[in-house]
Amino acid sequence: MRLLLDQNLSPHLVDALQDLHPGSAHVRDVGLASADDEAVWTFAAQQGLSIVSKDSDFRQRSFVRGHPPKVVWIARGNPGSVTGREIIAGSGSAGREADLTEDRAGAFSGSQGRFR
């Protein structure tokens, strides 16, 4: 799965996730650093990327509009780069896949999980 990391996540996560999610990008890297949610949504859908965000706006948008793109919502406060990678890759200190659910709209949510 190729990911598009939202502005509220560290751009350093892209490099940390390349082994698991090659071809992923941060909104800053594709010229969308100050873009509104609609522009990010459209870009992700056109490029076949799944949006990763801590902001519930994309999750709520997926309920209304469905997918593509799919949305990975991180329901956890300010993770650093290492912790953020662990959350997205599912390799946190608990050493297990977290409870991760995909709803009918194609949104994933969980505090930790493996997204492939």
PDB file of N, CA and C in Angstrom:
ATOM      1  N   MET A   1       0.844  -1.170   0.000  1.00  0.00           N
ATOM      2  CA  MET A   1       0.000   0.000   0.000  1.00  0.00           C
ATOM      3  C   MET A   1       0.893   1.238   0.000  1.00  0.00           C
ATOM      4  N   ARG A   2       0.667   2.142  -0.945  1.00  0.00           N
ATOM      5  CA  ARG A   2       1.392   3.416  -0.971  1.00  0.00           C
ATOM      6  C   ARG A   2       0.609   4.428  -0.145  1.00  0.00           C
ATOM      7  N   LEU A   3       1.326   5.162   0.688  1.00  0.00           N
ATOM      8  CA  LEU A   3       0.692   6.077   1.633  1.00  0.00           C
ATOM      9  C   LEU A   3       0.977   7.528   1.279  1.00  0.00           C
ATOM     10  N   LEU A   4       0.030   8.394   1.598  1.00  0.00           N
ATOM     11  CA  LEU A   4       0.213   9.835   1.537  1.00  0.00           C
ATOM     12  C   LEU A   4       0.028  10.352   2.959  1.00  0.00           C
ATOM     13  N   LEU A   5       1.133  10.792   3.572  1.00  0.00           N
ATOM     14  CA  LEU A   5       1.074  11.265   4.949  1.00  0.00           C
ATOM     15  C   LEU A   5       0.615  12.707   4.981  1.00  0.00           C
ATOM     16  N   ASP A   6      -0.367  12.969   5.831  1.00  0.00           N
ATOM     17  CA  ASP A   6      -0.942  14.304   5.977  1.00  0.00           C
ATOM     18  C   ASP A   6       0.041  15.224   6.690  1.00  0.00           C
ATOM     19  N   GLN A   7      -0.237  16.512   6.606  1.00  0.00           N
ATOM     20  CA  GLN A   7       0.609  17.558   7.173  1.00  0.00           C
ATOM     21  C   GLN A   7       0.823  17.378   8.673  1.00  0.00           C
ATOM     22  N   ASN A   8      -0.111  16.751   9.364  1.00  0.00           N
ATOM     23  CA  ASN A   8       0.005  16.616  10.814  1.00  0.00           C
ATOM     24  C   ASN A   8       0.932  15.474  11.237  1.00  0.00           C
ATOM     25  N   LEU A   9       1.567  14.804  10.267  1.00  0.00           N
ATOM     26  CA  LEU A   9       2.548  13.761  10.558  1.00  0.00           C
ATOM     27  C   LEU A   9       3.923  14.206  10.067  1.00  0.00           C
ATOM     28  N   SER A  10       4.944  13.717  10.714  1.00  0.00           N
ATOM     29  CA  SER A  10       6.306  14.107  10.362  1.00  0.00           C
ATOM     30  C   SER A  10       6.675  13.628   8.958  1.00  0.00           C
ATOM     31  N   PRO A  11       7.279  14.496   8.158  1.00  0.00           N
ATOM     32  CA  PRO A  11       7.752  14.069   6.841  1.00  0.00           C
ATOM     33  C   PRO A  11       8.858  13.016   6.934  1.00  0.00           C
ATOM     34  N   HIS A  12       9.517  12.923   8.087  1.00  0.00           N
ATOM     35  CA  HIS A  12      10.570  11.924   8.281  1.00  0.00           C
ATOM     36  C   HIS A  12      10.008  10.500   8.278  1.00  0.00           C
ATOM     37  N   LEU A  13       8.729  10.354   8.516  1.00  0.00           N
ATOM     38  CA  LEU A  13       8.115   9.031   8.501  1.00  0.00           C
ATOM     39  C   LEU A  13       8.174   8.382   7.119  1.00  0.00           C
ATOM     40  N   VAL A  14       8.187   9.178   6.061  1.00  0.00           N
ATOM     41  CA  VAL A  14       8.231   8.619   4.706  1.00  0.00           C
ATOM     42  C   VAL A  14       9.463   7.734   4.544  1.00  0.00           C
ATOM     43  N   ASP A  15      10.633   8.248   4.909  1.00  0.00           N
ATOM     44  CA  ASP A  15      11.856   7.453   4.806  1.00  0.00           C
ATOM     45  C   ASP A  15      11.799   6.224   5.718  1.00  0.00           C
ATOM     46  N   ALA A  16      11.254   6.397   6.899  1.00  0.00           N
ATOM     47  CA  ALA A  16      11.179   5.293   7.855  1.00  0.00           C
ATOM     48  C   ALA A  16      10.244   4.188   7.393  1.00  0.00           C
ATOM     49  N   LEU A  17       9.314   4.516   6.501  1.00  0.00           N
ATOM     50  CA  LEU A  17       8.319   3.540   6.046  1.00  0.00           C
ATOM     51  C   LEU A  17       8.590   2.974   4.658  1.00  0.00           C
ATOM     52  N   GLN A  18       9.646   3.423   3.980  1.00  0.00           N
ATOM     53  CA  GLN A  18       9.881   3.006   2.598  1.00  0.00           C
ATOM     54  C   GLN A  18      10.053   1.498   2.446  1.00  0.00           C
ATOM     55  N   ASP A  19      10.611   0.829   3.449  1.00  0.00           N
ATOM     56  CA  ASP A  19      10.781  -0.619   3.332  1.00  0.00           C
ATOM     57  C   ASP A  19       9.440  -1.345   3.336  1.00  0.00           C
ATOM     58  N   LEU A  20       8.469  -0.817   4.043  1.00  0.00           N
ATOM     59  CA  LEU A  20       7.143  -1.445   4.127  1.00  0.00           C
ATOM     60  C   LEU A  20       6.165  -0.895   3.095  1.00  0.00           C
ATOM     61  N   HIS A  21       6.298   0.385   2.774  1.00  0.00           N
ATOM     62  CA  HIS A  21       5.353   1.063   1.890  1.00  0.00           C
ATOM     63  C   HIS A  21       6.112   1.886   0.840  1.00  0.00           C
ATOM     64  N   PRO A  22       6.810   1.202  -0.074  1.00  0.00           N
ATOM     65  CA  PRO A  22       7.572   1.936  -1.089  1.00  0.00           C
ATOM     66  C   PRO A  22       6.658   2.795  -1.950  1.00  0.00           C
ATOM     67  N   GLY A  23       7.165   3.956  -2.330  1.00  0.00           N
ATOM     68  CA  GLY A  23       6.373   4.862  -3.155  1.00  0.00           C
ATOM     69  C   GLY A  23       5.475   5.780  -2.358  1.00  0.00           C
ATOM     70  N   SER A  24       5.592   5.742  -1.040  1.00  0.00           N
ATOM     71  CA  SER A  24       4.800   6.623  -0.187  1.00  0.00           C
ATOM     72  C   SER A  24       5.377   8.029  -0.225  1.00  0.00           C
ATOM     73  N   ALA A  25       4.575   9.014   0.180  1.00  0.00           N
ATOM     74  CA  ALA A  25       5.001  10.411   0.142  1.00  0.00           C
ATOM     75  C   ALA A  25       4.336  11.187   1.264  1.00  0.00           C
ATOM     76  N   HIS A  26       4.891  12.354   1.546  1.00  0.00           N
ATOM     77  CA  HIS A  26       4.305  13.302   2.479  1.00  0.00           C
ATOM     78  C   HIS A  26       3.691  14.427   1.647  1.00  0.00           C
ATOM     79  N   VAL A  27       2.613  15.024   2.114  1.00  0.00           N
ATOM     80  CA  VAL A  27       1.979  16.094   1.342  1.00  0.00           C
ATOM     81  C   VAL A  27       2.957  17.200   0.980  1.00  0.00           C
ATOM     82  N   ARG A  28       3.913  17.463   1.834  1.00  0.00           N
ATOM     83  CA  ARG A  28       4.925  18.490   1.572  1.00  0.00           C
ATOM     84  C   ARG A  28       5.751  18.144   0.328  1.00  0.00           C
ATOM     85  N   ASP A  29       6.045  16.850   0.145  1.00  0.00           N
ATOM     86  CA  ASP A  29       6.888  16.408  -0.962  1.00  0.00           C
ATOM     87  C   ASP A  29       6.194  16.459  -2.316  1.00  0.00           C
ATOM     88  N   VAL A  30       4.874  16.541  -2.321  1.00  0.00           N
ATOM     89  CA  VAL A  30       4.130  16.554  -3.589  1.00  0.00           C
ATOM     90  C   VAL A  30       3.440  17.899  -3.833  1.00  0.00           C
ATOM     91  N   GLY A  31       3.912  18.933  -3.114  1.00  0.00           N
ATOM     92  CA  GLY A  31       3.392  20.276  -3.335  1.00  0.00           C
ATOM     93  C   GLY A  31       2.040  20.558  -2.721  1.00  0.00           C
ATOM     94  N   LEU A  32       1.652  19.768  -1.715  1.00  0.00           N
ATOM     95  CA  LEU A  32       0.344  19.950  -1.083  1.00  0.00           C
ATOM     96  C   LEU A  32       0.442  20.364   0.383  1.00  0.00           C
ATOM     97  N   ALA A  33       1.572  20.947   0.779  1.00  0.00           N
ATOM     98  CA  ALA A  33       1.787  21.294   2.185  1.00  0.00           C
ATOM     99  C   ALA A  33       0.718  22.221   2.740  1.00  0.00           C
ATOM    100  N   SER A  34       0.235  23.152   1.931  1.00  0.00           N
ATOM    101  CA  SER A  34      -0.786  24.082   2.427  1.00  0.00           C
ATOM    102  C   SER A  34      -2.122  23.876   1.715  1.00  0.00           C
ATOM    103  N   ALA A  35      -2.270  22.749   1.076  1.00  0.00           N
ATOM    104  CA  ALA A  35      -3.513  22.463   0.344  1.00  0.00           C
ATOM    105  C   ALA A  35      -4.650  22.124   1.303  1.00  0.00           C
ATOM    106  N   ASP A  36      -5.873  22.351   0.837  1.00  0.00           N
ATOM    107  CA  ASP A  36      -7.025  21.981   1.656  1.00  0.00           C
ATOM    108  C   ASP A  36      -7.275  20.473   1.529  1.00  0.00           C
ATOM    109  N   ASP A  37      -8.164  19.969   2.379  1.00  0.00           N
ATOM    110  CA  ASP A  37      -8.442  18.539   2.412  1.00  0.00           C
ATOM    111  C   ASP A  37      -8.940  18.011   1.068  1.00  0.00           C
ATOM    112  N   GLU A  38      -9.731  18.789   0.355  1.00  0.00           N
ATOM    113  CA  GLU A  38     -10.263  18.345  -0.936  1.00  0.00           C
ATOM    114  C   GLU A  38      -9.136  18.092  -1.935  1.00  0.00           C
ATOM    115  N   ALA A  39      -8.148  18.970  -1.973  1.00  0.00           N
ATOM    116  CA  ALA A  39      -7.022  18.797  -2.896  1.00  0.00           C
ATOM    117  C   ALA A  39      -6.204  17.552  -2.531  1.00  0.00           C
ATOM    118  N   VAL A  40      -5.985  17.332  -1.239  1.00  0.00           N
ATOM    119  CA  VAL A  40      -5.248  16.152  -0.786  1.00  0.00           C
ATOM    120  C   VAL A  40      -6.030  14.896  -1.140  1.00  0.00           C
ATOM    121  N   TRP A  41      -7.336  14.909  -0.901  1.00  0.00           N
ATOM    122  CA  TRP A  41      -8.207  13.775  -1.200  1.00  0.00           C
ATOM    123  C   TRP A  41      -8.160  13.435  -2.692  1.00  0.00           C
ATOM    124  N   THR A  42      -8.301  14.435  -3.521  1.00  0.00           N
ATOM    125  CA  THR A  42      -8.310  14.233  -4.976  1.00  0.00           C
ATOM    126  C   THR A  42      -6.967  13.689  -5.460  1.00  0.00           C
ATOM    127  N   PHE A  43      -5.872  14.270  -4.979  1.00  0.00           N
ATOM    128  CA  PHE A  43      -4.548  13.807  -5.367  1.00  0.00           C
ATOM    129  C   PHE A  43      -4.354  12.342  -4.981  1.00  0.00           C
ATOM    130  N   ALA A  44      -4.700  12.001  -3.744  1.00  0.00           N
ATOM    131  CA  ALA A  44      -4.530  10.626  -3.275  1.00  0.00           C
ATOM    132  C   ALA A  44      -5.349   9.659  -4.128  1.00  0.00           C
ATOM    133  N   ALA A  45      -6.575  10.015  -4.427  1.00  0.00           N
ATOM    134  CA  ALA A  45      -7.427   9.150  -5.247  1.00  0.00           C
ATOM    135  C   ALA A  45      -6.834   8.970  -6.644  1.00  0.00           C
ATOM    136  N   GLN A  46      -6.371  10.039  -7.247  1.00  0.00           N
ATOM    137  CA  GLN A  46      -5.811   9.977  -8.601  1.00  0.00           C
ATOM    138  C   GLN A  46      -4.510   9.193  -8.656  1.00  0.00           C
ATOM    139  N   GLN A  47      -3.725   9.240  -7.600  1.00  0.00           N
ATOM    140  CA  GLN A  47      -2.415   8.592  -7.581  1.00  0.00           C
ATOM    141  C   GLN A  47      -2.432   7.200  -6.945  1.00  0.00           C
ATOM    142  N   GLY A  48      -3.588   6.758  -6.473  1.00  0.00           N
ATOM    143  CA  GLY A  48      -3.675   5.439  -5.854  1.00  0.00           C
ATOM    144  C   GLY A  48      -2.997   5.353  -4.495  1.00  0.00           C
ATOM    145  N   LEU A  49      -3.043   6.452  -3.749  1.00  0.00           N
ATOM    146  CA  LEU A  49      -2.443   6.511  -2.423  1.00  0.00           C
ATOM    147  C   LEU A  49      -3.516   6.428  -1.344  1.00  0.00           C
ATOM    148  N   SER A  50      -3.166   5.865  -0.212  1.00  0.00           N
ATOM    149  CA  SER A  50      -4.037   5.875   0.958  1.00  0.00           C
ATOM    150  C   SER A  50      -3.588   7.003   1.876  1.00  0.00           C
ATOM    151  N   ILE A  51      -4.519   7.806   2.345  1.00  0.00           N
ATOM    152  CA  ILE A  51      -4.200   8.949   3.205  1.00  0.00           C
ATOM    153  C   ILE A  51      -4.011   8.478   4.643  1.00  0.00           C
ATOM    154  N   VAL A  52      -2.905   8.904   5.258  1.00  0.00           N
ATOM    155  CA  VAL A  52      -2.653   8.626   6.669  1.00  0.00           C
ATOM    156  C   VAL A  52      -2.705   9.961   7.398  1.00  0.00           C
ATOM    157  N   SER A  53      -3.549  10.054   8.422  1.00  0.00           N
ATOM    158  CA  SER A  53      -3.732  11.320   9.122  1.00  0.00           C
ATOM    159  C   SER A  53      -4.117  11.091  10.570  1.00  0.00           C
ATOM    160  N   LYS A  54      -3.763  12.055  11.412  1.00  0.00           N
ATOM    161  CA  LYS A  54      -4.258  12.067  12.789  1.00  0.00           C
ATOM    162  C   LYS A  54      -5.546  12.876  12.877  1.00  0.00           C
ATOM    163  N   ASP A  55      -5.872  13.547  11.812  1.00  0.00           N
ATOM    164  CA  ASP A  55      -7.048  14.410  11.751  1.00  0.00           C
ATOM    165  C   ASP A  55      -8.275  13.568  11.388  1.00  0.00           C
ATOM    166  N   SER A  56      -9.320  13.667  12.148  1.00  0.00           N
ATOM    167  CA  SER A  56     -10.513  12.857  11.876  1.00  0.00           C
ATOM    168  C   SER A  56     -11.306  13.351  10.662  1.00  0.00           C
ATOM    169  N   ASP A  57     -10.951  14.515  10.106  1.00  0.00           N
ATOM    170  CA  ASP A  57     -11.687  15.027   8.948  1.00  0.00           C
ATOM    171  C   ASP A  57     -11.671  14.056   7.770  1.00  0.00           C
ATOM    172  N   PHE A  58     -10.505  13.459   7.484  1.00  0.00           N
ATOM    173  CA  PHE A  58     -10.429  12.516   6.370  1.00  0.00           C
ATOM    174  C   PHE A  58     -11.235  11.257   6.662  1.00  0.00           C
ATOM    175  N   ARG A  59     -11.202  10.809   7.887  1.00  0.00           N
ATOM    176  CA  ARG A  59     -11.998   9.638   8.277  1.00  0.00           C
ATOM    177  C   ARG A  59     -13.487   9.933   8.069  1.00  0.00           C
ATOM    178  N   GLN A  60     -13.929  11.094   8.511  1.00  0.00           N
ATOM    179  CA  GLN A  60     -15.335  11.456   8.350  1.00  0.00           C
ATOM    180  C   GLN A  60     -15.694  11.618   6.873  1.00  0.00           C
ATOM    181  N   ARG A  61     -14.782  12.171   6.086  1.00  0.00           N
ATOM    182  CA  ARG A  61     -15.013  12.321   4.655  1.00  0.00           C
ATOM    183  C   ARG A  61     -15.187  10.951   3.997  1.00  0.00           C
ATOM    184  N   SER A  62     -14.429   9.967   4.463  1.00  0.00           N
ATOM    185  CA  SER A  62     -14.541   8.629   3.883  1.00  0.00           C
ATOM    186  C   SER A  62     -15.908   8.009   4.157  1.00  0.00           C
ATOM    187  N   PHE A  63     -16.535   8.372   5.278  1.00  0.00           N
ATOM    188  CA  PHE A  63     -17.879   7.877   5.571  1.00  0.00           C
ATOM    189  C   PHE A  63     -18.882   8.417   4.561  1.00  0.00           C
ATOM    190  N   VAL A  64     -18.708   9.675   4.180  1.00  0.00           N
ATOM    191  CA  VAL A  64     -19.637  10.336   3.262  1.00  0.00           C
ATOM    192  C   VAL A  64     -19.361   9.949   1.821  1.00  0.00           C
ATOM    193  N   ARG A  65     -18.091   9.919   1.436  1.00  0.00           N
ATOM    194  CA  ARG A  65     -17.732   9.749   0.030  1.00  0.00           C
ATOM    195  C   ARG A  65     -17.260   8.360  -0.337  1.00  0.00           C
ATOM    196  N   GLY A  66     -16.971   7.522   0.638  1.00  0.00           N
ATOM    197  CA  GLY A  66     -16.446   6.198   0.339  1.00  0.00           C
ATOM    198  C   GLY A  66     -15.012   6.282  -0.148  1.00  0.00           C
ATOM    199  N   HIS A  67     -14.573   5.240  -0.830  1.00  0.00           N
ATOM    200  CA  HIS A  67     -13.197   5.235  -1.317  1.00  0.00           C
ATOM    201  C   HIS A  67     -13.173   4.883  -2.787  1.00  0.00           C
ATOM    202  N   PRO A  68     -12.132   5.147  -3.555  1.00  0.00           N
ATOM    203  CA  PRO A  68     -10.844   5.632  -3.109  1.00  0.00           C
ATOM    204  C   PRO A  68     -10.868   7.115  -2.771  1.00  0.00           C
ATOM    205  N   PRO A  69      -9.866   7.589  -2.075  1.00  0.00           N
ATOM    206  CA  PRO A  69      -8.788   6.830  -1.457  1.00  0.00           C
ATOM    207  C   PRO A  69      -9.211   6.228  -0.127  1.00  0.00           C
ATOM    208  N   LYS A  70      -8.472   5.232   0.301  1.00  0.00           N
ATOM    209  CA  LYS A  70      -8.679   4.709   1.646  1.00  0.00           C
ATOM    210  C   LYS A  70      -8.002   5.659   2.622  1.00  0.00           C
ATOM    211  N   VAL A  71      -8.452   5.608   3.862  1.00  0.00           N
ATOM    212  CA  VAL A  71      -7.942   6.511   4.895  1.00  0.00           C
ATOM    213  C   VAL A  71      -7.470   5.689   6.081  1.00  0.00           C
ATOM    214  N   VAL A  72      -6.266   5.995   6.544  1.00  0.00           N
ATOM    215  CA  VAL A  72      -5.743   5.405   7.770  1.00  0.00           C
ATOM    216  C   VAL A  72      -5.737   6.521   8.798  1.00  0.00           C
ATOM    217  N   TRP A  73      -6.577   6.374   9.816  1.00  0.00           N
ATOM    218  CA  TRP A  73      -6.701   7.398  10.843  1.00  0.00           C
ATOM    219  C   TRP A  73      -5.926   6.949  12.069  1.00  0.00           C
ATOM    220  N   ILE A  74      -4.962   7.737  12.493  1.00  0.00           N
ATOM    221  CA  ILE A  74      -4.181   7.419  13.679  1.00  0.00           C
ATOM    222  C   ILE A  74      -4.826   8.121  14.861  1.00  0.00           C
ATOM    223  N   ALA A  75      -5.450   7.347  15.693  1.00  0.00           N
ATOM    224  CA  ALA A  75      -6.175   7.884  16.846  1.00  0.00           C
ATOM    225  C   ALA A  75      -5.257   7.872  18.066  1.00  0.00           C
ATOM    226  N   ARG A  76      -4.199   8.642  17.962  1.00  0.00           N
ATOM    227  CA  ARG A  76      -3.221   8.707  19.050  1.00  0.00           C
ATOM    228  C   ARG A  76      -2.567  10.068  19.018  1.00  0.00           C
ATOM    229  N   GLY A  77      -2.220  10.596  20.157  1.00  0.00           N
ATOM    230  CA  GLY A  77      -1.589  11.909  20.221  1.00  0.00           C
ATOM    231  C   GLY A  77      -0.178  11.913  19.674  1.00  0.00           C
ATOM    232  N   ASN A  78       0.349  13.006  19.345  1.00  0.00           N
ATOM    233  CA  ASN A  78       1.654  13.355  18.797  1.00  0.00           C
ATOM    234  C   ASN A  78       2.764  12.298  18.839  1.00  0.00           C
ATOM    235  N   PRO A  79       2.742  11.323  17.917  1.00  0.00           N
ATOM    236  CA  PRO A  79       3.849  10.379  17.895  1.00  0.00           C
ATOM    237  C   PRO A  79       5.078  10.995  17.242  1.00  0.00           C
ATOM    238  N   GLY A  80       6.260  10.650  17.725  1.00  0.00           N
ATOM    239  CA  GLY A  80       7.498  11.045  17.067  1.00  0.00           C
ATOM    240  C   GLY A  80       7.728  10.145  15.861  1.00  0.00           C
ATOM    241  N   SER A  81       8.821  10.344  15.149  1.00  0.00           N
ATOM    242  CA  SER A  81       9.078   9.567  13.946  1.00  0.00           C
ATOM    243  C   SER A  81       9.193   8.076  14.222  1.00  0.00           C
ATOM    244  N   VAL A  82       9.934   7.701  15.255  1.00  0.00           N
ATOM    245  CA  VAL A  82      10.091   6.284  15.534  1.00  0.00           C
ATOM    246  C   VAL A  82       8.766   5.698  15.984  1.00  0.00           C
ATOM    247  N   THR A  83       8.096   6.358  16.909  1.00  0.00           N
ATOM    248  CA  THR A  83       6.814   5.873  17.381  1.00  0.00           C
ATOM    249  C   THR A  83       5.791   5.871  16.256  1.00  0.00           C
ATOM    250  N   GLY A  84       5.810   6.899  15.413  1.00  0.00           N
ATOM    251  CA  GLY A  84       4.891   6.945  14.281  1.00  0.00           C
ATOM    252  C   GLY A  84       5.086   5.767  13.356  1.00  0.00           C
ATOM    253  N   ARG A  85       6.333   5.402  13.089  1.00  0.00           N
ATOM    254  CA  ARG A  85       6.597   4.243  12.252  1.00  0.00           C
ATOM    255  C   ARG A  85       6.063   2.987  12.917  1.00  0.00           C
ATOM    256  N   GLU A  86       6.285   2.865  14.218  1.00  0.00           N
ATOM    257  CA  GLU A  86       5.799   1.702  14.942  1.00  0.00           C
ATOM    258  C   GLU A  86       4.283   1.604  14.870  1.00  0.00           C
ATOM    259  N   ILE A  87       3.601   2.738  14.983  1.00  0.00           N
ATOM    260  CA  ILE A  87       2.140   2.734  14.911  1.00  0.00           C
ATOM    261  C   ILE A  87       1.698   2.262  13.538  1.00  0.00           C
ATOM    262  N   ILE A  88       2.276   2.839  12.486  1.00  0.00           N
ATOM    263  CA  ILE A  88       1.852   2.510  11.130  1.00  0.00           C
ATOM    264  C   ILE A  88       2.280   1.101  10.743  1.00  0.00           C
ATOM    265  N   ALA A  89       3.479   0.686  11.152  1.00  0.00           N
ATOM    266  CA  ALA A  89       4.000  -0.620  10.770  1.00  0.00           C
ATOM    267  C   ALA A  89       3.527  -1.745  11.684  1.00  0.00           C
ATOM    268  N   GLY A  90       2.955  -1.398  12.838  1.00  0.00           N
ATOM    269  CA  GLY A  90       2.465  -2.425  13.742  1.00  0.00           C
ATOM    270  C   GLY A  90       3.566  -3.111  14.529  1.00  0.00           C
ATOM    271  N   SER A  91       4.704  -2.435  14.696  1.00  0.00           N
ATOM    272  CA  SER A  91       5.811  -3.057  15.417  1.00  0.00           C
ATOM    273  C   SER A  91       6.075  -2.360  16.736  1.00  0.00           C
ATOM    274  N   GLY A  92       5.035  -1.920  17.388  1.00  0.00           N
ATOM    275  CA  GLY A  92       5.181  -1.200  18.644  1.00  0.00           C
ATOM    276  C   GLY A  92       5.708  -2.080  19.753  1.00  0.00           C
ATOM    277  N   SER A  93       5.892  -1.509  20.909  1.00  0.00           N
ATOM    278  CA  SER A  93       6.503  -2.228  22.017  1.00  0.00           C
ATOM    279  C   SER A  93       5.684  -3.442  22.432  1.00  0.00           C
ATOM    280  N   ALA A  94       4.394  -3.441  22.121  1.00  0.00           N
ATOM    281  CA  ALA A  94       3.569  -4.601  22.453  1.00  0.00           C
ATOM    282  C   ALA A  94       3.907  -5.782  21.553  1.00  0.00           C
ATOM    283  N   GLY A  95       4.567  -5.515  20.401  1.00  0.00           N
ATOM    284  CA  GLY A  95       5.008  -6.593  19.529  1.00  0.00           C
ATOM    285  C   GLY A  95       3.861  -7.365  18.892  1.00  0.00           C
ATOM    286  N   ARG A  96       2.762  -6.723  18.642  1.00  0.00           N
ATOM    287  CA  ARG A  96       1.611  -7.407  18.067  1.00  0.00           C
ATOM    288  C   ARG A  96       0.879  -6.459  17.148  1.00  0.00           C
ATOM    289  N   GLU A  97       0.049  -7.044  16.303  1.00  0.00           N
ATOM    290  CA  GLU A  97      -0.821  -6.185  15.519  1.00  0.00           C
ATOM    291  C   GLU A  97      -1.911  -5.673  16.444  1.00  0.00           C
ATOM    292  N   ALA A  98      -2.219  -4.426  16.326  1.00  0.00           N
ATOM    293  CA  ALA A  98      -3.244  -3.841  17.182  1.00  0.00           C
ATOM    294  C   ALA A  98      -4.616  -4.105  16.597  1.00  0.00           C
ATOM    295  N   ASP A  99      -5.610  -3.789  17.365  1.00  0.00           N
ATOM    296  CA  ASP A  99      -6.967  -3.859  16.869  1.00  0.00           C
ATOM    297  C   ASP A  99      -7.107  -2.818  15.783  1.00  0.00           C
ATOM    298  N   LEU A 100      -7.358  -3.283  14.569  1.00  0.00           N
ATOM    299  CA  LEU A 100      -7.460  -2.401  13.427  1.00  0.00           C
ATOM    300  C   LEU A 100      -8.699  -2.807  12.665  1.00  0.00           C
ATOM    301  N   THR A 101      -9.562  -1.866  12.420  1.00  0.00           N
ATOM    302  CA  THR A 101     -10.789  -2.194  11.733  1.00  0.00           C
ATOM    303  C   THR A 101     -10.921  -1.375  10.466  1.00  0.00           C
ATOM    304  N   GLU A 102     -11.478  -2.004   9.426  1.00  0.00           N
ATOM    305  CA  GLU A 102     -11.794  -1.291   8.202  1.00  0.00           C
ATOM    306  C   GLU A 102     -13.306  -1.191   8.144  1.00  0.00           C
ATOM    307  N   ASP A 103     -13.810   0.035   8.068  1.00  0.00           N
ATOM    308  CA  ASP A 103     -15.246   0.206   8.003  1.00  0.00           C
ATOM    309  C   ASP A 103     -15.719   0.152   6.552  1.00  0.00           C
ATOM    310  N   ARG A 104     -17.018   0.235   6.357  1.00  0.00           N
ATOM    311  CA  ARG A 104     -17.595   0.142   5.019  1.00  0.00           C
ATOM    312  C   ARG A 104     -17.121   1.243   4.094  1.00  0.00           C
ATOM    313  N   ALA A 105     -16.665   2.347   4.636  1.00  0.00           N
ATOM    314  CA  ALA A 105     -16.206   3.454   3.801  1.00  0.00           C
ATOM    315  C   ALA A 105     -14.742   3.293   3.392  1.00  0.00           C
ATOM    316  N   GLY A 106     -14.074   2.263   3.893  1.00  0.00           N
ATOM    317  CA  GLY A 106     -12.683   2.065   3.545  1.00  0.00           C
ATOM    318  C   GLY A 106     -11.721   2.794   4.449  1.00  0.00           C
ATOM    319  N   ALA A 107     -12.190   3.259   5.597  1.00  0.00           N
ATOM    320  CA  ALA A 107     -11.296   3.930   6.540  1.00  0.00           C
ATOM    321  C   ALA A 107     -10.795   2.903   7.540  1.00  0.00           C
ATOM    322  N   PHE A 108      -9.502   2.952   7.823  1.00  0.00           N
ATOM    323  CA  PHE A 108      -8.898   2.115   8.847  1.00  0.00           C
ATOM    324  C   PHE A 108      -8.722   2.975  10.069  1.00  0.00           C
ATOM    325  N   SER A 109      -8.871   2.390  11.227  1.00  0.00           N
ATOM    326  CA  SER A 109      -8.571   3.141  12.438  1.00  0.00           C
ATOM    327  C   SER A 109      -7.972   2.209  13.461  1.00  0.00           C
ATOM    328  N   GLY A 110      -7.142   2.770  14.289  1.00  0.00           N
ATOM    329  CA  GLY A 110      -6.505   2.006  15.350  1.00  0.00           C
ATOM    330  C   GLY A 110      -5.350   2.778  15.909  1.00  0.00           C
ATOM    331  N   SER A 111      -4.940   2.439  17.110  1.00  0.00           N
ATOM    332  CA  SER A 111      -3.808   3.149  17.705  1.00  0.00           C
ATOM    333  C   SER A 111      -2.501   2.553  17.210  1.00  0.00           C
ATOM    334  N   GLN A 112      -2.509   1.299  16.807  1.00  0.00           N
ATOM    335  CA  GLN A 112      -1.364   0.653  16.184  1.00  0.00           C
ATOM    336  C   GLN A 112      -1.915  -0.343  15.189  1.00  0.00           C
ATOM    337  N   GLY A 113      -1.181  -0.612  14.141  1.00  0.00           N
ATOM    338  CA  GLY A 113      -1.640  -1.621  13.192  1.00  0.00           C
ATOM    339  C   GLY A 113      -0.712  -1.776  12.025  1.00  0.00           C
ATOM    340  N   ARG A 114      -0.902  -2.837  11.268  1.00  0.00           N
ATOM    341  CA  ARG A 114      -0.113  -3.104  10.083  1.00  0.00           C
ATOM    342  C   ARG A 114      -1.016  -2.845   8.884  1.00  0.00           C
ATOM    343  N   PHE A 115      -0.572  -1.965   8.005  1.00  0.00           N
ATOM    344  CA  PHE A 115      -1.373  -1.561   6.850  1.00  0.00           C
ATOM    345  C   PHE A 115      -0.671  -2.057   5.600  1.00  0.00           C
ATOM    346  N   ARG A 116      -1.164  -3.116   5.030  1.00  0.00           N
ATOM    347  CA  ARG A 116      -0.566  -3.629   3.801  1.00  0.00           C
ATOM    348  C   ARG A 116      -1.640  -3.853   2.774  1.00  0.00           C
TER     349      ARG A 116
END
